[in-house]
Amino acid sequence: MIIFSTKDAGPAAYLSEIIKVLNEPYICVASSFAQKIFDVNNIKSTVIDFSTQEEYGKFVEANFKEIPIKLIITGTSWGNSIDKAFIKFGIEKNINVISIIDHWSWYKERFLLKNALVLPNFILVNDEYARDEAKKEGLDGNIIYAIGNPVLENKVTKATNIIGKDQWLKNLNLADKKIITFISEEYAKDFPMDSSYYQGFDEYQVLEDILDLIGEKEHLLIKLHPSEKMDKYDKYKRKNVSILYGIDLNPLIIYSDIFIGMGSMLLMEAAVLRDVVISYRPNDKKGFIGNRIGATILVQDKQSLNEIFEKGIKFDKSNFAEKFKGSTERIVDFVKGYLD
């Protein structure tokens, strides 16, 4: 039996790709919004939402101590989580634990609990760049494996048989409109101004800059993060603004005239499917991996953003998608190596 667990939506998408190929008996435990990702992938999961790490720990001990577990595979996230409960449980019970980092950020913070590290036996990251960054943050390079990302690998395959653009626009009642898509995230909440994690801006500032630049010929689609509430941007609703939740992402990525976000993993996914992906980060203090490795275009001020809106821009990503080919097979082979 394999245990899969995750609190966040990104790792849920990653783990879904592995579960579908691995063909091994499993139990999947997830938060309520991670479950939505598993549901989309037809993967059964049990929802566990607690506020304290003690509650997570008690749940895992009470429900899994009698189960013959071969391997535990977890996502990673900040703060209290089911992931950390399973990591601690696995290490205490001498069960191998593999944790995945699906992004290029906050490597060490994902394993911190009350200023102490809760580490698995193995950590899988997207590439050598991520491995080097994780080592610089203080994680042990001997347990970190640069192995790829199945979500990025499979993005192209899943985008082959999608609805046509005319029909997509018709379904949204947006024919003859220039579509600008904004990928929202919880920056104000997760990176507050008075913290060391402050990015120099938040999603509200970015959204207001975009709104100032669009006119009657444009329509703004705001794609919410799974953790965001449906009514978050209600005050910004107007005739040329729509808020999206649970939409098919591939047509959104491919058919949007302008695709813009801040630092979402979805920007990296979009970079696999389209040439121009904008990372708008006014007064940026922390940076974004997509801009550092040439997958996305960094824009730092409203005037430059307006020029792109009016004139467009060309960009060469140098085959960003190629580096992730074979990711799923490599990860599955790695996992199988610890099932015997």
Protein backbone atom coordinates (compact mmCIF):
# COMPACT_ATOMS: atom_id res chain seq x y z
CA MET A 1 0.00 0.00 0.00
CA ILE A 2 1.22 3.49 -0.91
CA ILE A 3 0.02 6.58 0.95
CA PHE A 4 -0.27 9.80 -1.05
CA SER A 5 -0.97 13.04 0.78
CA THR A 6 -1.05 16.72 -0.02
CA LYS A 7 -2.42 19.96 1.31
CA ASP A 8 -1.89 22.09 -1.80
CA ALA A 9 -3.39 21.99 -5.28
CA GLY A 10 -0.10 22.02 -7.21
CA PRO A 11 1.25 18.81 -5.66
CA ALA A 12 -2.20 17.24 -6.14
CA ALA A 13 -1.88 17.72 -9.90
CA TYR A 14 1.67 16.30 -9.82
CA LEU A 15 0.71 13.27 -7.72
CA SER A 16 -2.33 12.63 -9.92
CA GLU A 17 -0.07 12.03 -12.91
CA ILE A 18 1.98 9.50 -10.92
CA ILE A 19 -0.99 7.68 -9.40
CA LYS A 20 -2.58 7.15 -12.83
CA VAL A 21 0.56 5.48 -14.20
CA LEU A 22 1.89 3.64 -11.14
CA ASN A 23 -0.94 1.07 -10.93
CA GLU A 24 -0.36 0.21 -7.26
CA PRO A 25 -2.85 -0.01 -4.36
CA TYR A 26 -3.02 3.37 -2.64
CA ILE A 27 -4.79 5.62 -0.19
CA CYS A 28 -4.91 9.33 -1.01
CA VAL A 29 -5.42 11.94 1.73
CA ALA A 30 -5.92 15.59 0.81
CA SER A 31 -7.19 18.98 1.90
CA SER A 32 -10.59 20.08 0.63
CA PHE A 33 -9.19 22.18 -2.20
CA ALA A 34 -6.52 19.62 -3.15
CA GLN A 35 -9.34 17.09 -3.44
CA LYS A 36 -10.86 19.16 -6.24
CA ILE A 37 -7.75 18.48 -8.32
CA PHE A 38 -7.88 14.76 -7.57
CA ASP A 39 -11.58 14.72 -8.50
CA VAL A 40 -10.80 16.24 -11.90
CA ASN A 41 -8.33 13.40 -12.44
CA ASN A 42 -10.82 10.74 -11.25
CA ILE A 43 -8.72 9.87 -8.22
CA LYS A 44 -10.52 9.02 -5.00
CA SER A 45 -9.26 10.88 -1.95
CA THR A 46 -10.16 11.41 1.69
CA VAL A 47 -10.51 15.01 2.84
CA ILE A 48 -8.74 16.05 6.03
CA ASP A 49 -8.77 19.70 7.12
CA PHE A 50 -7.39 20.55 10.57
CA SER A 51 -6.05 23.78 12.01
CA THR A 52 -3.23 22.37 14.16
CA GLN A 53 -0.35 20.01 13.47
CA GLU A 54 -1.27 18.04 16.59
CA GLU A 55 -4.66 17.21 15.08
CA TYR A 56 -3.05 16.05 11.84
CA GLY A 57 -0.61 13.88 13.79
CA LYS A 58 -3.32 12.26 15.89
CA PHE A 59 -5.40 11.52 12.80
CA VAL A 60 -2.51 9.81 11.00
CA GLU A 61 -1.49 7.75 14.04
CA ALA A 62 -5.06 6.64 14.76
CA ASN A 63 -5.95 5.69 11.20
CA PHE A 64 -2.75 4.36 9.63
CA LYS A 65 -0.69 2.59 12.30
CA GLU A 66 -2.26 -0.81 11.49
CA ILE A 67 -2.04 -0.47 7.70
CA PRO A 68 0.85 -2.31 5.95
CA ILE A 69 2.40 0.70 4.22
CA LYS A 70 5.23 0.22 1.73
CA LEU A 71 5.86 3.84 0.88
CA ILE A 72 4.59 7.36 1.65
CA ILE A 73 4.61 10.10 -1.01
CA THR A 74 3.70 13.63 -0.01
CA GLY A 75 3.36 17.09 -1.41
CA THR A 76 4.95 20.03 0.40
CA SER A 77 3.48 23.23 1.80
CA TRP A 78 3.94 25.97 4.37
CA GLY A 79 2.88 25.56 7.97
CA ASN A 80 0.66 22.90 9.49
CA SER A 81 -0.24 20.17 7.02
CA ILE A 82 -1.18 16.54 6.50
CA ASP A 83 2.08 16.26 4.53
CA LYS A 84 4.26 16.92 7.57
CA ALA A 85 2.17 14.52 9.69
CA PHE A 86 2.83 11.71 7.21
CA ILE A 87 6.53 12.58 6.96
CA LYS A 88 6.92 12.36 10.75
CA PHE A 89 4.85 9.18 10.86
CA GLY A 90 6.91 7.51 8.13
CA ILE A 91 10.26 8.39 9.65
CA GLU A 92 9.14 7.16 13.10
CA LYS A 93 7.83 3.87 11.63
CA ASN A 94 10.87 3.31 9.36
CA ILE A 95 8.76 3.71 6.22
CA ASN A 96 10.45 5.46 3.29
CA VAL A 97 8.98 8.89 2.58
CA ILE A 98 9.29 10.74 -0.72
CA SER A 99 8.26 14.40 -0.84
CA ILE A 100 7.85 16.39 -4.03
CA ILE A 101 8.44 20.09 -4.61
CA ASP A 102 6.51 21.02 -7.73
CA HIS A 103 7.63 24.68 -7.81
CA TRP A 104 10.94 26.57 -7.75
CA SER A 105 10.57 28.41 -4.48
CA TRP A 106 10.59 28.25 -0.66
CA TYR A 107 12.39 24.90 -0.59
CA LYS A 108 13.39 24.91 3.06
CA GLU A 109 10.26 26.69 4.33
CA ARG A 110 8.07 23.85 3.07
CA PHE A 111 9.63 21.53 5.65
CA LEU A 112 9.72 23.93 8.61
CA LEU A 113 7.49 23.34 11.59
CA LYS A 114 8.02 25.54 14.66
CA ASN A 115 11.52 26.40 13.39
CA ALA A 116 12.49 22.72 13.11
CA LEU A 117 12.90 20.79 9.86
CA VAL A 118 10.57 17.84 9.20
CA LEU A 119 12.43 16.02 6.45
CA PRO A 120 11.59 12.91 4.38
CA ASN A 121 14.05 10.32 3.11
CA PHE A 122 13.96 11.75 -0.41
CA ILE A 123 12.99 15.07 -2.02
CA LEU A 124 12.12 15.25 -5.73
CA VAL A 125 12.56 18.60 -7.50
CA ASN A 126 11.95 19.82 -11.05
CA ASP A 127 15.50 20.26 -12.34
CA GLU A 128 19.14 20.88 -11.41
CA TYR A 129 18.43 24.58 -10.94
CA ALA A 130 15.90 23.72 -8.24
CA ARG A 131 18.31 21.26 -6.63
CA ASP A 132 21.06 23.89 -6.47
CA GLU A 133 18.65 26.46 -5.02
CA ALA A 134 17.41 23.99 -2.40
CA LYS A 135 20.99 23.24 -1.36
CA LYS A 136 21.73 26.98 -1.06
CA GLU A 137 18.77 27.26 1.32
CA GLY A 138 20.35 24.62 3.54
CA LEU A 139 18.70 21.34 2.53
CA ASP A 140 20.87 18.23 2.28
CA GLY A 141 21.80 17.68 -1.36
CA ASN A 142 22.24 13.95 -0.75
CA ILE A 143 18.47 13.46 -0.45
CA ILE A 144 17.46 15.79 -3.31
CA TYR A 145 16.87 14.38 -6.80
CA ALA A 146 16.36 16.54 -9.92
CA ILE A 147 13.89 14.34 -11.74
CA GLY A 148 11.39 16.48 -13.68
CA ASN A 149 7.76 17.49 -13.48
CA PRO A 150 4.97 15.29 -14.91
CA VAL A 151 2.44 18.13 -15.04
CA LEU A 152 4.70 20.18 -17.30
CA GLU A 153 5.58 17.12 -19.37
CA ASN A 154 1.95 16.13 -19.96
CA LYS A 155 0.62 19.64 -20.57
CA VAL A 156 1.27 19.40 -24.31
CA THR A 157 -0.34 15.97 -24.64
CA LYS A 158 -3.50 17.10 -22.87
CA ALA A 159 -3.83 20.15 -25.11
CA THR A 160 -4.27 18.26 -28.38
CA ASN A 161 -8.04 17.74 -28.53
CA ILE A 162 -9.46 20.98 -27.20
CA ILE A 163 -12.44 23.04 -28.26
CA GLY A 164 -11.92 25.48 -31.15
CA LYS A 165 -11.27 29.14 -30.36
CA ASP A 166 -14.47 30.44 -31.98
CA GLN A 167 -16.60 28.01 -30.00
CA TRP A 168 -14.68 28.76 -26.79
CA LEU A 169 -15.31 32.49 -27.20
CA LYS A 170 -18.94 31.85 -28.06
CA ASN A 171 -19.40 29.72 -24.93
CA LEU A 172 -18.08 32.63 -22.88
CA ASN A 173 -20.16 35.18 -24.81
CA LEU A 174 -16.95 36.99 -25.71
CA ALA A 175 -16.83 36.90 -29.51
CA ASP A 176 -14.85 39.80 -31.08
CA LYS A 177 -13.18 40.64 -27.75
CA LYS A 178 -9.47 40.81 -26.98
CA ILE A 179 -9.04 38.38 -24.09
CA ILE A 180 -6.70 39.28 -21.23
CA THR A 181 -6.33 36.60 -18.58
CA PHE A 182 -5.02 37.31 -15.09
CA ILE A 183 -3.86 34.40 -12.93
CA SER A 184 -4.60 35.31 -9.33
CA GLU A 185 -2.87 34.10 -6.17
CA GLU A 186 -3.07 34.84 -2.43
CA TYR A 187 -0.12 37.27 -2.28
CA ALA A 188 -1.63 39.72 0.21
CA LYS A 189 -2.41 36.88 2.60
CA ASP A 190 0.68 34.71 2.09
CA PHE A 191 3.27 37.49 1.73
CA PRO A 192 2.06 40.37 3.94
CA MET A 193 3.78 43.75 3.76
CA ASP A 194 5.16 43.50 7.30
CA SER A 195 6.83 40.10 6.72
CA SER A 196 10.23 39.09 5.37
CA TYR A 197 8.39 37.30 2.54
CA TYR A 198 6.83 40.49 1.15
CA GLN A 199 7.16 40.50 -2.64
CA GLY A 200 6.92 44.28 -3.12
CA PHE A 201 3.32 44.11 -4.40
CA ASP A 202 0.17 42.03 -4.09
CA GLU A 203 -2.61 40.72 -6.34
CA TYR A 204 -4.85 43.73 -5.73
CA GLN A 205 -2.23 46.20 -6.95
CA VAL A 206 -1.56 44.06 -10.02
CA LEU A 207 -5.26 43.70 -10.80
CA GLU A 208 -5.90 47.43 -10.43
CA ASP A 209 -3.03 48.22 -12.81
CA ILE A 210 -4.51 45.82 -15.38
CA LEU A 211 -7.98 47.30 -14.97
CA ASP A 212 -6.59 50.79 -15.58
CA LEU A 213 -5.21 49.63 -18.94
CA ILE A 214 -8.17 47.81 -20.47
CA GLY A 215 -10.93 49.42 -22.51
CA GLU A 216 -14.19 48.46 -24.19
CA LYS A 217 -12.51 46.22 -26.77
CA GLU A 218 -10.82 44.08 -24.09
CA HIS A 219 -12.33 41.60 -21.68
CA LEU A 220 -10.50 40.58 -18.52
CA LEU A 221 -10.80 37.01 -17.25
CA ILE A 222 -9.65 36.57 -13.63
CA LYS A 223 -8.71 32.96 -12.95
CA LEU A 224 -8.89 32.26 -9.21
CA HIS A 225 -6.47 30.02 -7.35
CA PRO A 226 -8.19 26.95 -5.81
CA SER A 227 -7.56 28.40 -2.33
CA GLU A 228 -9.26 31.73 -3.12
CA LYS A 229 -12.89 32.46 -2.28
CA MET A 230 -15.38 32.94 -5.10
CA ASP A 231 -16.36 36.40 -3.86
CA LYS A 232 -12.80 37.70 -3.46
CA TYR A 233 -13.03 40.11 -6.40
CA ASP A 234 -16.75 40.84 -6.41
CA LYS A 235 -16.15 44.57 -6.09
CA TYR A 236 -14.17 44.49 -9.36
CA LYS A 237 -16.94 42.89 -11.41
CA ARG A 238 -18.12 44.90 -14.37
CA LYS A 239 -19.26 44.44 -17.96
CA ASN A 240 -15.76 43.62 -19.25
CA VAL A 241 -14.54 41.59 -16.26
CA SER A 242 -15.36 37.94 -15.53
CA ILE A 243 -14.20 35.75 -12.66
CA LEU A 244 -13.39 32.13 -13.42
CA TYR A 245 -13.21 29.11 -11.15
CA GLY A 246 -12.82 25.50 -12.26
CA ILE A 247 -12.50 26.32 -15.98
CA ASP A 248 -10.69 24.10 -18.51
CA LEU A 249 -7.20 25.59 -18.42
CA ASN A 250 -5.79 24.57 -21.79
CA PRO A 251 -8.14 26.69 -23.96
CA LEU A 252 -7.69 29.55 -21.50
CA ILE A 253 -3.92 29.36 -21.90
CA ILE A 254 -3.85 28.88 -25.65
CA TYR A 255 -6.59 31.29 -26.74
CA SER A 256 -6.02 34.25 -24.41
CA ASP A 257 -4.53 37.18 -26.31
CA ILE A 258 -2.55 38.20 -23.23
CA PHE A 259 -1.76 35.79 -20.38
CA ILE A 260 -0.50 37.47 -17.24
CA GLY A 261 0.22 36.50 -13.66
CA MET A 262 2.71 37.13 -10.88
CA GLY A 263 4.54 33.98 -9.77
CA SER A 264 2.11 31.11 -10.16
CA MET A 265 3.17 27.62 -11.16
CA LEU A 266 0.42 27.96 -13.77
CA LEU A 267 2.62 30.50 -15.57
CA MET A 268 5.23 27.76 -15.97
CA GLU A 269 2.56 25.41 -17.31
CA ALA A 270 1.40 28.10 -19.71
CA ALA A 271 4.98 28.57 -20.95
CA VAL A 272 4.83 25.00 -22.26
CA LEU A 273 1.83 25.84 -24.46
CA ARG A 274 2.35 29.44 -25.58
CA ASP A 275 5.24 31.76 -26.44
CA VAL A 276 4.37 34.87 -24.43
CA VAL A 277 3.59 34.54 -20.72
CA ILE A 278 3.87 37.73 -18.67
CA SER A 279 5.00 37.86 -15.05
CA TYR A 280 3.95 41.29 -13.83
CA ARG A 281 5.80 42.17 -10.63
CA PRO A 282 5.85 45.92 -9.88
CA ASN A 283 8.49 46.88 -7.31
CA ASP A 284 9.62 43.25 -7.27
CA LYS A 285 11.71 42.33 -4.22
CA LYS A 286 11.98 38.53 -4.49
CA GLY A 287 11.99 37.51 -8.15
CA PHE A 288 10.30 34.60 -9.93
CA ILE A 289 11.92 31.48 -11.34
CA GLY A 290 10.06 31.75 -14.65
CA ASN A 291 11.81 35.04 -15.34
CA ARG A 292 15.21 33.75 -14.19
CA ILE A 293 15.21 30.73 -16.49
CA GLY A 294 13.60 32.47 -19.47
CA ALA A 295 10.20 30.80 -19.42
CA THR A 296 8.25 34.01 -18.75
CA ILE A 297 8.64 37.73 -19.46
CA LEU A 298 9.27 40.00 -16.48
CA VAL A 299 7.38 43.30 -16.55
CA GLN A 300 7.95 45.64 -13.61
CA ASP A 301 5.99 48.81 -14.31
CA LYS A 302 2.60 49.86 -15.60
CA GLN A 303 3.94 51.78 -18.60
CA SER A 304 5.82 48.74 -19.91
CA LEU A 305 2.74 46.59 -19.38
CA ASN A 306 0.65 49.08 -21.34
CA GLU A 307 3.10 48.93 -24.27
CA ILE A 308 2.68 45.14 -24.40
CA PHE A 309 -1.10 45.51 -24.26
CA GLU A 310 -1.02 47.96 -27.18
CA LYS A 311 1.77 46.59 -29.39
CA GLY A 312 2.32 43.00 -28.27
CA ILE A 313 5.73 41.38 -27.82
CA LYS A 314 7.75 38.51 -29.26
CA PHE A 315 9.64 36.08 -27.06
CA ASP A 316 11.84 33.00 -27.55
CA LYS A 317 11.62 30.50 -24.68
CA SER A 318 14.32 28.23 -26.15
CA ASN A 319 12.22 25.06 -26.01
CA PHE A 320 11.34 25.28 -22.34
CA ALA A 321 9.05 22.24 -22.62
CA GLU A 322 11.80 19.91 -23.89
CA LYS A 323 13.56 19.63 -20.53
CA PHE A 324 10.57 17.88 -18.94
CA LYS A 325 10.17 15.06 -21.44
CA GLY A 326 10.40 11.67 -19.72
CA SER A 327 9.56 13.11 -16.28
CA THR A 328 6.70 10.72 -15.52
CA GLU A 329 8.71 7.63 -16.43
CA ARG A 330 11.70 8.76 -14.35
CA ILE A 331 9.54 9.46 -11.29
CA VAL A 332 7.62 6.18 -11.57
CA ASP A 333 10.90 4.25 -11.89
CA PHE A 334 12.25 6.04 -8.83
CA VAL A 335 9.13 5.19 -6.82
CA LYS A 336 9.15 1.54 -7.91
CA GLY A 337 12.72 1.27 -6.68
CA TYR A 338 11.42 1.68 -3.10
CA LEU A 339 8.41 -0.61 -3.30
CA ASP A 340 10.30 -3.91 -2.98
